[in-house]
């Protein structure tokens, strides 16, 4: 994905297709090779009880507010005009298609990431007894994966801070999902966090 994002400089549609193929294909191939008809992270998907989502809702609202607070505090250090130009030139994202793209990012992309990093990687490792490794490995992958997206958006110091924050978020997401054995709580937090980011993006593109 880093190669596709930063070297091949593919448009957003191509990157999305590649991500779907990888994030769905790898678990599917693994499941077939291991003759495992069900992946732990989605076994109980249909058994989710509404009252168990209170953890995700609470943390999601806190994340929503925290992102806006971070925007107002650190926004002056970020080159938003440069981000808009890069999104347009590298990914083909403009004001005219931003809302549609934002809806996909908020619901579709967040689902793919939670399915892969939490449902497939973390919960599989966690329930096989590799609990510490599950936390560290999945969280590091989650943070490093995002470098391809935001590495040119700010200074190295802010990039390092963002990476640390993403790894920490991954740890929290993992903890949330151990409470229910599925990735619904972390997905709910992810949706609310992405919603805040998209609203900020709409302001960047002068949509609001």
C-alpha atoms as a PDB file:
ATOM      1  CA  UNK A   1       0.000   0.000   0.000  1.00  0.00           C
ATOM      2  CA  UNK A   2       2.940   2.340   0.669  1.00  0.00           C
ATOM      3  CA  UNK A   3       4.278   1.536  -2.801  1.00  0.00           C
ATOM      4  CA  UNK A   4       0.892   2.245  -4.378  1.00  0.00           C
ATOM      5  CA  UNK A   5       0.452   5.486  -2.418  1.00  0.00           C
ATOM      6  CA  UNK A   6       3.900   7.096  -2.575  1.00  0.00           C
ATOM      7  CA  UNK A   7       5.747   5.464  -5.492  1.00  0.00           C
ATOM      8  CA  UNK A   8       3.111   4.622  -8.076  1.00  0.00           C
ATOM      9  CA  UNK A   9       1.021   7.624  -6.954  1.00  0.00           C
ATOM     10  CA  UNK A  10      -2.206   5.859  -7.896  1.00  0.00           C
ATOM     11  CA  UNK A  11      -5.561   7.621  -7.817  1.00  0.00           C
ATOM     12  CA  UNK A  12      -7.956   7.051  -4.923  1.00  0.00           C
ATOM     13  CA  UNK A  13     -10.102   4.503  -6.754  1.00  0.00           C
ATOM     14  CA  UNK A  14      -7.068   2.335  -7.557  1.00  0.00           C
ATOM     15  CA  UNK A  15      -5.816   2.571  -3.971  1.00  0.00           C
ATOM     16  CA  UNK A  16      -9.248   1.629  -2.667  1.00  0.00           C
ATOM     17  CA  UNK A  17      -9.483  -1.436  -4.908  1.00  0.00           C
ATOM     18  CA  UNK A  18      -5.973  -2.513  -3.867  1.00  0.00           C
ATOM     19  CA  UNK A  19      -6.865  -2.132  -0.200  1.00  0.00           C
ATOM     20  CA  UNK A  20     -10.062  -4.156  -0.557  1.00  0.00           C
ATOM     21  CA  UNK A  21      -8.174  -6.924  -2.380  1.00  0.00           C
ATOM     22  CA  UNK A  22      -5.455  -7.044   0.281  1.00  0.00           C
ATOM     23  CA  UNK A  23      -7.538  -6.554   3.426  1.00  0.00           C
ATOM     24  CA  UNK A  24     -10.185  -9.065   2.382  1.00  0.00           C
ATOM     25  CA  UNK A  25      -7.984 -11.345   0.276  1.00  0.00           C
ATOM     26  CA  UNK A  26      -5.261 -12.018   2.855  1.00  0.00           C
ATOM     27  CA  UNK A  27      -7.706 -13.170   5.582  1.00  0.00           C
ATOM     28  CA  UNK A  28      -9.596 -15.230   3.001  1.00  0.00           C
ATOM     29  CA  UNK A  29      -6.441 -16.971   1.751  1.00  0.00           C
ATOM     30  CA  UNK A  30      -5.313 -17.553   5.330  1.00  0.00           C
ATOM     31  CA  UNK A  31      -8.678 -19.028   6.255  1.00  0.00           C
ATOM     32  CA  UNK A  32      -8.586 -21.338   3.215  1.00  0.00           C
ATOM     33  CA  UNK A  33      -5.007 -22.496   3.771  1.00  0.00           C
ATOM     34  CA  UNK A  34      -5.588 -23.117   7.469  1.00  0.00           C
ATOM     35  CA  UNK A  35      -8.924 -24.745   6.663  1.00  0.00           C
ATOM     36  CA  UNK A  36     -10.466 -22.388   9.171  1.00  0.00           C
ATOM     37  CA  UNK A  37     -14.009 -21.645   8.055  1.00  0.00           C
ATOM     38  CA  UNK A  38     -14.485 -18.786  10.500  1.00  0.00           C
ATOM     39  CA  UNK A  39     -12.189 -15.970  11.558  1.00  0.00           C
ATOM     40  CA  UNK A  40     -12.404 -15.155  15.246  1.00  0.00           C
ATOM     41  CA  UNK A  41     -12.935 -11.434  14.699  1.00  0.00           C
ATOM     42  CA  UNK A  42     -16.226 -11.946  12.820  1.00  0.00           C
ATOM     43  CA  UNK A  43     -17.559 -15.136  14.400  1.00  0.00           C
ATOM     44  CA  UNK A  44     -19.782 -13.213  16.800  1.00  0.00           C
ATOM     45  CA  UNK A  45     -20.595 -10.356  14.458  1.00  0.00           C
ATOM     46  CA  UNK A  46     -24.257 -11.301  14.239  1.00  0.00           C
ATOM     47  CA  UNK A  47     -24.489 -11.740  18.014  1.00  0.00           C
ATOM     48  CA  UNK A  48     -23.595  -8.168  18.911  1.00  0.00           C
ATOM     49  CA  UNK A  49     -25.802  -6.805  21.667  1.00  0.00           C
ATOM     50  CA  UNK A  50     -26.619  -3.101  21.585  1.00  0.00           C
ATOM     51  CA  UNK A  51     -25.711  -2.570  25.247  1.00  0.00           C
ATOM     52  CA  UNK A  52     -22.143  -3.759  24.583  1.00  0.00           C
ATOM     53  CA  UNK A  53     -21.595  -0.847  22.189  1.00  0.00           C
ATOM     54  CA  UNK A  54     -21.684   1.691  25.034  1.00  0.00           C
ATOM     55  CA  UNK A  55     -17.895   1.422  25.326  1.00  0.00           C
ATOM     56  CA  UNK A  56     -17.386   2.304  21.687  1.00  0.00           C
ATOM     57  CA  UNK A  57     -19.974   5.087  21.742  1.00  0.00           C
ATOM     58  CA  UNK A  58     -18.455   6.735  24.823  1.00  0.00           C
ATOM     59  CA  UNK A  59     -14.884   6.568  23.561  1.00  0.00           C
ATOM     60  CA  UNK A  60     -16.006   7.552  20.069  1.00  0.00           C
ATOM     61  CA  UNK A  61     -17.594  10.776  21.327  1.00  0.00           C
ATOM     62  CA  UNK A  62     -14.443  11.551  23.320  1.00  0.00           C
ATOM     63  CA  UNK A  63     -12.346  10.937  20.188  1.00  0.00           C
ATOM     64  CA  UNK A  64     -14.655  13.154  18.136  1.00  0.00           C
ATOM     65  CA  UNK A  65     -14.181  16.025  20.586  1.00  0.00           C
ATOM     66  CA  UNK A  66     -10.429  15.406  20.976  1.00  0.00           C
ATOM     67  CA  UNK A  67      -9.808  15.602  17.222  1.00  0.00           C
ATOM     68  CA  UNK A  68     -11.491  18.980  17.041  1.00  0.00           C
ATOM     69  CA  UNK A  69      -9.496  20.143  20.065  1.00  0.00           C
ATOM     70  CA  UNK A  70      -6.283  18.973  18.392  1.00  0.00           C
ATOM     71  CA  UNK A  71      -7.276  20.760  15.202  1.00  0.00           C
ATOM     72  CA  UNK A  72      -7.695  24.063  16.981  1.00  0.00           C
ATOM     73  CA  UNK A  73      -4.474  23.678  18.990  1.00  0.00           C
ATOM     74  CA  UNK A  74      -2.140  22.220  16.336  1.00  0.00           C
ATOM     75  CA  UNK A  75      -3.830  23.391  13.137  1.00  0.00           C
ATOM     76  CA  UNK A  76      -1.477  26.346  12.714  1.00  0.00           C
ATOM     77  CA  UNK A  77       1.452  23.931  12.354  1.00  0.00           C
ATOM     78  CA  UNK A  78      -0.136  21.988   9.483  1.00  0.00           C
ATOM     79  CA  UNK A  79      -0.053  23.044   5.844  1.00  0.00           C
ATOM     80  CA  UNK A  80      -3.735  22.536   4.993  1.00  0.00           C
ATOM     81  CA  UNK A  81      -3.401  24.162   1.568  1.00  0.00           C
ATOM     82  CA  UNK A  82      -0.622  21.714   0.762  1.00  0.00           C
ATOM     83  CA  UNK A  83      -2.783  18.805   1.896  1.00  0.00           C
ATOM     84  CA  UNK A  84      -5.635  19.926  -0.356  1.00  0.00           C
ATOM     85  CA  UNK A  85      -3.268  20.243  -3.322  1.00  0.00           C
ATOM     86  CA  UNK A  86      -1.707  16.844  -2.621  1.00  0.00           C
ATOM     87  CA  UNK A  87      -5.097  15.150  -2.280  1.00  0.00           C
ATOM     88  CA  UNK A  88      -6.098  16.610  -5.620  1.00  0.00           C
ATOM     89  CA  UNK A  89      -2.882  15.836  -7.506  1.00  0.00           C
ATOM     90  CA  UNK A  90      -2.092  12.418  -6.006  1.00  0.00           C
ATOM     91  CA  UNK A  91      -5.523  10.981  -5.249  1.00  0.00           C
ATOM     92  CA  UNK A  92      -7.920  12.945  -7.416  1.00  0.00           C
ATOM     93  CA  UNK A  93      -9.908  14.104  -4.384  1.00  0.00           C
ATOM     94  CA  UNK A  94     -11.544  17.480  -4.940  1.00  0.00           C
ATOM     95  CA  UNK A  95     -14.340  19.540  -3.409  1.00  0.00           C
ATOM     96  CA  UNK A  96     -16.811  18.035  -5.897  1.00  0.00           C
ATOM     97  CA  UNK A  97     -16.202  14.420  -4.834  1.00  0.00           C
ATOM     98  CA  UNK A  98     -15.035  14.955  -1.248  1.00  0.00           C
ATOM     99  CA  UNK A  99     -18.394  14.266   0.407  1.00  0.00           C
ATOM    100  CA  UNK A 100     -18.796  10.932  -1.406  1.00  0.00           C
ATOM    101  CA  UNK A 101     -15.193  10.031  -0.610  1.00  0.00           C
ATOM    102  CA  UNK A 102     -15.731  11.109   2.992  1.00  0.00           C
ATOM    103  CA  UNK A 103     -18.743   8.817   3.370  1.00  0.00           C
ATOM    104  CA  UNK A 104     -16.716   5.892   2.062  1.00  0.00           C
ATOM    105  CA  UNK A 105     -13.798   6.686   4.377  1.00  0.00           C
ATOM    106  CA  UNK A 106     -16.101   7.014   7.387  1.00  0.00           C
ATOM    107  CA  UNK A 107     -18.000   3.759   6.902  1.00  0.00           C
ATOM    108  CA  UNK A 108     -16.331   1.576   4.245  1.00  0.00           C
ATOM    109  CA  UNK A 109     -12.639   2.223   4.789  1.00  0.00           C
ATOM    110  CA  UNK A 110     -13.002   2.176   8.575  1.00  0.00           C
ATOM    111  CA  UNK A 111     -14.726  -1.213   8.321  1.00  0.00           C
ATOM    112  CA  UNK A 112     -11.891  -2.626   6.203  1.00  0.00           C
ATOM    113  CA  UNK A 113      -9.248  -1.411   8.641  1.00  0.00           C
ATOM    114  CA  UNK A 114     -11.061  -2.714  11.716  1.00  0.00           C
ATOM    115  CA  UNK A 115     -11.815  -6.035  10.052  1.00  0.00           C
ATOM    116  CA  UNK A 116      -8.151  -6.471   9.101  1.00  0.00           C
ATOM    117  CA  UNK A 117      -6.173  -4.998  11.999  1.00  0.00           C
ATOM    118  CA  UNK A 118      -8.512  -5.915  14.845  1.00  0.00           C
ATOM    119  CA  UNK A 119     -10.808  -8.663  13.574  1.00  0.00           C
ATOM    120  CA  UNK A 120      -8.216 -10.642  11.620  1.00  0.00           C
ATOM    121  CA  UNK A 121      -4.802  -9.861  13.131  1.00  0.00           C
ATOM    122  CA  UNK A 122      -5.404  -8.887  16.748  1.00  0.00           C
ATOM    123  CA  UNK A 123      -8.272 -11.139  17.803  1.00  0.00           C
ATOM    124  CA  UNK A 124      -6.838 -14.176  16.028  1.00  0.00           C
ATOM    125  CA  UNK A 125      -3.496 -13.765  17.806  1.00  0.00           C
ATOM    126  CA  UNK A 126      -5.145 -12.819  21.115  1.00  0.00           C
ATOM    127  CA  UNK A 127      -7.357 -15.893  21.262  1.00  0.00           C
ATOM    128  CA  UNK A 128      -4.459 -18.143  20.298  1.00  0.00           C
ATOM    129  CA  UNK A 129      -2.629 -17.105  23.447  1.00  0.00           C
ATOM    130  CA  UNK A 130      -0.193 -14.529  22.000  1.00  0.00           C
ATOM    131  CA  UNK A 131      -1.795 -11.665  23.908  1.00  0.00           C
ATOM    132  CA  UNK A 132       1.152  -9.273  24.351  1.00  0.00           C
ATOM    133  CA  UNK A 133       2.367  -9.877  20.814  1.00  0.00           C
ATOM    134  CA  UNK A 134      -1.173  -9.367  19.515  1.00  0.00           C
ATOM    135  CA  UNK A 135      -1.371  -5.923  21.117  1.00  0.00           C
ATOM    136  CA  UNK A 136       2.065  -4.763  19.960  1.00  0.00           C
ATOM    137  CA  UNK A 137       2.067  -6.251  16.459  1.00  0.00           C
ATOM    138  CA  UNK A 138      -1.392  -5.134  15.358  1.00  0.00           C
ATOM    139  CA  UNK A 139      -0.974  -1.641  16.825  1.00  0.00           C
ATOM    140  CA  UNK A 140       2.416  -1.110  15.171  1.00  0.00           C
ATOM    141  CA  UNK A 141       1.071  -2.274  11.820  1.00  0.00           C
ATOM    142  CA  UNK A 142      -1.927   0.031  12.188  1.00  0.00           C
ATOM    143  CA  UNK A 143       0.342   3.022  12.864  1.00  0.00           C
ATOM    144  CA  UNK A 144       2.941   2.270  10.187  1.00  0.00           C
ATOM    145  CA  UNK A 145       0.246   1.627   7.595  1.00  0.00           C
ATOM    146  CA  UNK A 146      -0.909   5.237   7.943  1.00  0.00           C
ATOM    147  CA  UNK A 147       2.542   6.705   7.273  1.00  0.00           C
ATOM    148  CA  UNK A 148       1.969   6.280   3.546  1.00  0.00           C
ATOM    149  CA  UNK A 149      -1.043   8.568   3.820  1.00  0.00           C
ATOM    150  CA  UNK A 150       0.138  11.431   5.993  1.00  0.00           C
ATOM    151  CA  UNK A 151       3.955  11.447   5.864  1.00  0.00           C
ATOM    152  CA  UNK A 152       4.105  14.531   3.611  1.00  0.00           C
ATOM    153  CA  UNK A 153       1.395  16.480   5.417  1.00  0.00           C
ATOM    154  CA  UNK A 154       3.456  17.903   8.266  1.00  0.00           C
ATOM    155  CA  UNK A 155       6.905  18.125   9.816  1.00  0.00           C
ATOM    156  CA  UNK A 156       8.824  14.982  10.868  1.00  0.00           C
ATOM    157  CA  UNK A 157       8.125  15.825  14.518  1.00  0.00           C
ATOM    158  CA  UNK A 158       4.347  15.985  13.978  1.00  0.00           C
ATOM    159  CA  UNK A 159       4.488  12.848  11.836  1.00  0.00           C
ATOM    160  CA  UNK A 160       6.264  11.013  14.667  1.00  0.00           C
ATOM    161  CA  UNK A 161       3.684  12.342  17.118  1.00  0.00           C
ATOM    162  CA  UNK A 162       0.860  11.177  14.840  1.00  0.00           C
ATOM    163  CA  UNK A 163       2.480   7.736  14.538  1.00  0.00           C
ATOM    164  CA  UNK A 164       2.757   7.444  18.316  1.00  0.00           C
ATOM    165  CA  UNK A 165      -0.860   8.508  18.622  1.00  0.00           C
ATOM    166  CA  UNK A 166      -2.033   5.930  16.072  1.00  0.00           C
ATOM    167  CA  UNK A 167      -0.138   3.112  17.791  1.00  0.00           C
ATOM    168  CA  UNK A 168      -1.707   4.178  21.100  1.00  0.00           C
ATOM    169  CA  UNK A 169      -5.146   4.311  19.477  1.00  0.00           C
ATOM    170  CA  UNK A 170      -4.549   0.808  18.132  1.00  0.00           C
ATOM    171  CA  UNK A 171      -3.831  -0.404  21.667  1.00  0.00           C
ATOM    172  CA  UNK A 172      -7.058   1.142  22.951  1.00  0.00           C
ATOM    173  CA  UNK A 173      -9.066  -0.309  20.063  1.00  0.00           C
ATOM    174  CA  UNK A 174      -7.628  -3.734  20.821  1.00  0.00           C
ATOM    175  CA  UNK A 175      -8.606  -3.459  24.459  1.00  0.00           C
ATOM    176  CA  UNK A 176     -12.139  -2.456  23.514  1.00  0.00           C
ATOM    177  CA  UNK A 177     -12.569  -5.488  21.295  1.00  0.00           C
ATOM    178  CA  UNK A 178     -11.483  -7.960  23.966  1.00  0.00           C
ATOM    179  CA  UNK A 179     -14.648  -7.026  25.869  1.00  0.00           C
ATOM    180  CA  UNK A 180     -16.910  -8.463  23.172  1.00  0.00           C
ATOM    181  CA  UNK A 181     -14.738 -10.739  21.007  1.00  0.00           C
ATOM    182  CA  UNK A 182     -15.532  -8.768  17.847  1.00  0.00           C
ATOM    183  CA  UNK A 183     -14.481  -5.465  16.303  1.00  0.00           C
ATOM    184  CA  UNK A 184     -17.779  -3.600  16.530  1.00  0.00           C
ATOM    185  CA  UNK A 185     -16.740  -1.289  19.376  1.00  0.00           C
ATOM    186  CA  UNK A 186     -13.500  -0.205  17.704  1.00  0.00           C
ATOM    187  CA  UNK A 187     -15.371   0.265  14.417  1.00  0.00           C
ATOM    188  CA  UNK A 188     -17.854   2.583  16.143  1.00  0.00           C
ATOM    189  CA  UNK A 189     -15.013   4.671  17.592  1.00  0.00           C
ATOM    190  CA  UNK A 190     -13.324   4.687  14.177  1.00  0.00           C
ATOM    191  CA  UNK A 191     -16.518   5.945  12.519  1.00  0.00           C
ATOM    192  CA  UNK A 192     -16.900   8.819  14.965  1.00  0.00           C
ATOM    193  CA  UNK A 193     -13.215   9.768  14.768  1.00  0.00           C
ATOM    194  CA  UNK A 194     -13.290   9.724  10.966  1.00  0.00           C
ATOM    195  CA  UNK A 195     -16.468  11.811  11.034  1.00  0.00           C
ATOM    196  CA  UNK A 196     -14.585  14.578  12.851  1.00  0.00           C
ATOM    197  CA  UNK A 197     -11.720  14.372  10.346  1.00  0.00           C
ATOM    198  CA  UNK A 198     -14.125  14.565   7.391  1.00  0.00           C
ATOM    199  CA  UNK A 199     -15.839  17.620   8.856  1.00  0.00           C
ATOM    200  CA  UNK A 200     -12.415  19.286   9.176  1.00  0.00           C
ATOM    201  CA  UNK A 201     -11.723  18.202   5.580  1.00  0.00           C
ATOM    202  CA  UNK A 202     -14.940  19.843   4.430  1.00  0.00           C
ATOM    203  CA  UNK A 203     -13.720  23.079   5.985  1.00  0.00           C
ATOM    204  CA  UNK A 204     -10.363  22.667   4.186  1.00  0.00           C
ATOM    205  CA  UNK A 205     -12.155  22.281   0.858  1.00  0.00           C
ATOM    206  CA  UNK A 206     -14.427  25.229   1.678  1.00  0.00           C
ATOM    207  CA  UNK A 207     -17.511  23.006   1.516  1.00  0.00           C
ATOM    208  CA  UNK A 208     -18.707  24.374   4.867  1.00  0.00           C
END
